[in-house]
Amino acid sequence: MKIIQYFLISTIFFSPFLGFSKNHTENSNSEIAQRHGNRGRHGNRGRHGNRGRHNRRGGVRFRFYVGPRYQRRSYYRDYGYYYNQLSLNIREDAPAGEKILDAFIDGNRISLKAPTSSGNRGYYSFRLNPGYHAVEWTVESPDGKVNRYDYKFYVDRYTQNTNILIEGDQIFIN
């Protein structure tokens, strides 16, 4: 019973404000629409279009990551072109009669295969990080002299493949 009494009293006091007040926002919007066309001032949200200036889909959105801590990737990615694929082809120089005894890349020994009829000692593939690397090899000449050669080369971080051909005492890098 008291609820009905409160309702009647509140409608009596506030009905003049509800029934006889003029809606100013509707009036001002209609004036703007008359001056600027049906879409209002600045068209549909102005030069930024429907989405507004800062939001993709309008409104305000917050993103929170809930779950275990995730690992951020380091500056050098662990995949893709920050690793270089090195192709190493070792061949004896048959016309000169030179024999390759051993080869090293960055101090790691490469086990050479027995020479084929064309003098190939093997085709090897490595994955290298960007930076400076060294190739060393030992050659025995036909007169019995043993010479050790080394070559240092740089691998750029955007280079994906490097081809090296060692033929006798010469080296070719592509």
Protein backbone atom coordinates (compact mmCIF):
# COMPACT_ATOMS: atom_id res chain seq x y z
CA MET A 1 0.00 0.00 0.00
CA LYS A 2 2.80 2.39 0.86
CA ILE A 3 4.50 1.68 -2.47
CA ILE A 4 1.39 2.80 -4.35
CA GLN A 5 1.20 5.96 -2.26
CA TYR A 6 4.86 6.81 -3.01
CA PHE A 7 4.28 6.19 -6.70
CA LEU A 8 1.24 8.47 -6.84
CA ILE A 9 2.98 11.24 -4.92
CA SER A 10 6.07 11.10 -7.15
CA THR A 11 4.00 11.17 -10.36
CA ILE A 12 2.04 14.18 -9.10
CA PHE A 13 5.19 16.17 -8.31
CA PHE A 14 7.27 15.19 -11.35
CA SER A 15 4.57 15.00 -14.06
CA PRO A 16 4.88 18.71 -15.01
CA PHE A 17 8.59 18.15 -15.72
CA LEU A 18 7.97 15.01 -17.76
CA GLY A 19 4.89 16.00 -19.70
CA PHE A 20 5.49 19.65 -20.50
CA SER A 21 9.26 19.92 -20.90
CA LYS A 22 10.75 20.47 -24.35
CA ASN A 23 13.43 18.06 -25.58
CA HIS A 24 16.32 20.41 -26.37
CA THR A 25 18.65 17.74 -27.75
CA GLU A 26 16.14 16.67 -30.38
CA ASN A 27 15.60 20.28 -31.44
CA SER A 28 19.31 21.05 -31.73
CA ASN A 29 19.95 17.82 -33.64
CA SER A 30 17.19 18.59 -36.11
CA GLU A 31 18.64 22.07 -36.69
CA ILE A 32 22.06 20.57 -37.39
CA ALA A 33 20.51 18.03 -39.74
CA GLN A 34 18.77 20.79 -41.66
CA ARG A 35 21.96 22.82 -41.97
CA HIS A 36 24.32 19.94 -42.83
CA GLY A 37 22.16 17.33 -44.54
CA ASN A 38 20.73 14.10 -43.18
CA ARG A 39 23.98 12.78 -41.73
CA GLY A 40 24.67 15.71 -39.44
CA ARG A 41 27.81 17.73 -38.99
CA HIS A 42 30.99 16.19 -40.52
CA GLY A 43 29.04 13.42 -42.23
CA ASN A 44 29.41 10.15 -40.40
CA ARG A 45 31.96 10.91 -37.64
CA GLY A 46 33.94 13.30 -39.81
CA ARG A 47 37.12 12.50 -41.67
CA HIS A 48 37.75 9.32 -39.63
CA GLY A 49 34.62 7.57 -40.87
CA ASN A 50 32.33 5.27 -38.91
CA ARG A 51 35.09 3.88 -36.72
CA GLY A 52 36.11 7.14 -35.10
CA ARG A 53 39.63 8.32 -34.61
CA HIS A 54 41.05 5.84 -32.11
CA ASN A 55 38.89 2.75 -32.15
CA ARG A 56 38.56 0.13 -34.82
CA ARG A 57 34.99 -0.85 -34.07
CA GLY A 58 33.85 2.13 -32.03
CA GLY A 59 33.49 2.29 -28.31
CA VAL A 60 36.21 1.59 -25.78
CA ARG A 61 37.83 -1.83 -25.57
CA PHE A 62 40.32 -3.10 -23.03
CA ARG A 63 42.50 -6.14 -23.49
CA PHE A 64 43.86 -8.03 -20.54
CA TYR A 65 46.01 -11.11 -20.84
CA VAL A 66 44.91 -13.60 -18.20
CA GLY A 67 47.01 -16.71 -17.92
CA PRO A 68 50.60 -17.76 -17.46
CA ARG A 69 53.36 -15.31 -18.30
CA TYR A 70 54.38 -15.61 -21.89
CA GLN A 71 57.92 -15.39 -23.19
CA ARG A 72 58.67 -12.47 -25.44
CA ARG A 73 60.73 -13.27 -28.47
CA SER A 74 64.23 -11.92 -28.42
CA TYR A 75 65.47 -9.39 -30.92
CA TYR A 76 67.05 -12.13 -33.01
CA ARG A 77 64.27 -14.50 -33.93
CA ASP A 78 64.81 -18.20 -33.46
CA TYR A 79 63.45 -18.97 -36.91
CA GLY A 80 63.56 -17.60 -40.41
CA TYR A 81 66.26 -15.51 -41.96
CA TYR A 82 68.31 -14.81 -38.84
CA TYR A 83 69.93 -18.20 -39.44
CA ASN A 84 72.02 -18.72 -42.51
CA GLN A 85 72.17 -22.02 -44.35
CA LEU A 86 75.79 -22.73 -45.33
CA SER A 87 76.46 -25.18 -48.15
CA LEU A 88 80.06 -26.37 -48.23
CA ASN A 89 81.36 -28.36 -51.20
CA ILE A 90 84.90 -29.74 -50.96
CA ARG A 91 86.65 -30.93 -54.10
CA GLU A 92 90.22 -31.96 -54.76
CA ASP A 93 91.99 -30.27 -57.64
CA ALA A 94 92.61 -33.35 -59.80
CA PRO A 95 94.57 -31.70 -62.64
CA ALA A 96 97.05 -30.14 -60.19
CA GLY A 97 97.22 -33.35 -58.13
CA GLU A 98 96.44 -31.61 -54.81
CA LYS A 99 94.81 -33.64 -52.04
CA ILE A 100 92.72 -32.15 -49.23
CA LEU A 101 93.63 -33.79 -45.93
CA ASP A 102 91.19 -32.17 -43.48
CA ALA A 103 88.81 -29.23 -43.14
CA PHE A 104 87.42 -27.20 -40.24
CA ILE A 105 84.59 -24.71 -39.92
CA ASP A 106 84.68 -22.49 -36.82
CA GLY A 107 87.12 -24.93 -35.23
CA ASN A 108 84.85 -27.96 -35.76
CA ARG A 109 86.39 -30.75 -37.83
CA ILE A 110 84.55 -31.91 -40.93
CA SER A 111 84.85 -35.60 -41.62
CA LEU A 112 85.74 -35.85 -45.31
CA LYS A 113 84.56 -38.69 -47.48
CA ALA A 114 86.81 -40.64 -49.80
CA PRO A 115 87.35 -38.82 -53.11
CA THR A 116 85.15 -39.78 -56.05
CA SER A 117 86.46 -40.13 -59.61
CA SER A 118 85.81 -36.42 -60.18
CA GLY A 119 87.59 -35.45 -56.96
CA ASN A 120 84.57 -34.57 -54.79
CA ARG A 121 85.20 -35.05 -51.08
CA GLY A 122 81.68 -34.24 -49.93
CA TYR A 123 78.82 -31.80 -49.80
CA TYR A 124 77.99 -30.50 -46.32
CA SER A 125 75.27 -28.26 -44.96
CA PHE A 126 75.39 -26.18 -41.76
CA ARG A 127 73.23 -23.62 -40.03
CA LEU A 128 75.13 -20.51 -38.99
CA ASN A 129 74.29 -17.48 -36.90
CA PRO A 130 75.02 -14.02 -38.29
CA GLY A 131 78.59 -12.85 -37.74
CA TYR A 132 82.16 -13.78 -38.61
CA HIS A 133 83.10 -17.39 -39.34
CA ALA A 134 86.30 -19.15 -40.37
CA VAL A 135 87.02 -22.04 -42.73
CA GLU A 136 90.37 -23.85 -42.52
CA TRP A 137 91.68 -26.69 -44.68
CA THR A 138 94.92 -28.53 -45.24
CA VAL A 139 96.20 -29.38 -48.75
CA GLU A 140 98.97 -31.78 -49.72
CA SER A 141 100.66 -30.86 -53.00
CA PRO A 142 102.05 -33.49 -55.42
CA ASP A 143 105.63 -32.84 -54.29
CA GLY A 144 104.72 -33.72 -50.66
CA LYS A 145 104.43 -30.20 -49.19
CA VAL A 146 101.54 -29.68 -46.75
CA ASN A 147 99.97 -26.21 -46.67
CA ARG A 148 97.30 -24.95 -44.32
CA TYR A 149 94.82 -22.34 -45.59
CA ASP A 150 92.22 -20.36 -43.74
CA TYR A 151 89.57 -17.90 -44.80
CA LYS A 152 87.33 -15.70 -42.67
CA PHE A 153 83.97 -14.57 -43.97
CA TYR A 154 81.03 -12.55 -42.67
CA VAL A 155 77.42 -13.73 -42.68
CA ASP A 156 74.87 -10.93 -42.80
CA ARG A 157 71.73 -11.47 -40.76
CA TYR A 158 69.49 -11.09 -43.80
CA THR A 159 71.45 -13.50 -46.00
CA GLN A 160 69.67 -16.83 -46.16
CA ASN A 161 72.10 -19.03 -48.09
CA THR A 162 75.87 -19.04 -48.47
CA ASN A 163 77.63 -21.42 -50.83
CA ILE A 164 81.32 -22.23 -50.40
CA LEU A 165 83.37 -24.32 -52.79
CA ILE A 166 86.84 -25.40 -51.74
CA GLU A 167 88.82 -26.72 -54.68
CA GLY A 168 92.40 -27.54 -53.82
CA ASP A 169 94.03 -24.40 -52.45
CA GLN A 170 91.29 -22.07 -53.77
CA ILE A 171 88.01 -21.06 -52.18
CA PHE A 172 84.93 -19.66 -53.89
CA ILE A 173 82.17 -18.00 -51.86
CA ASN A 174 78.80 -17.14 -53.32
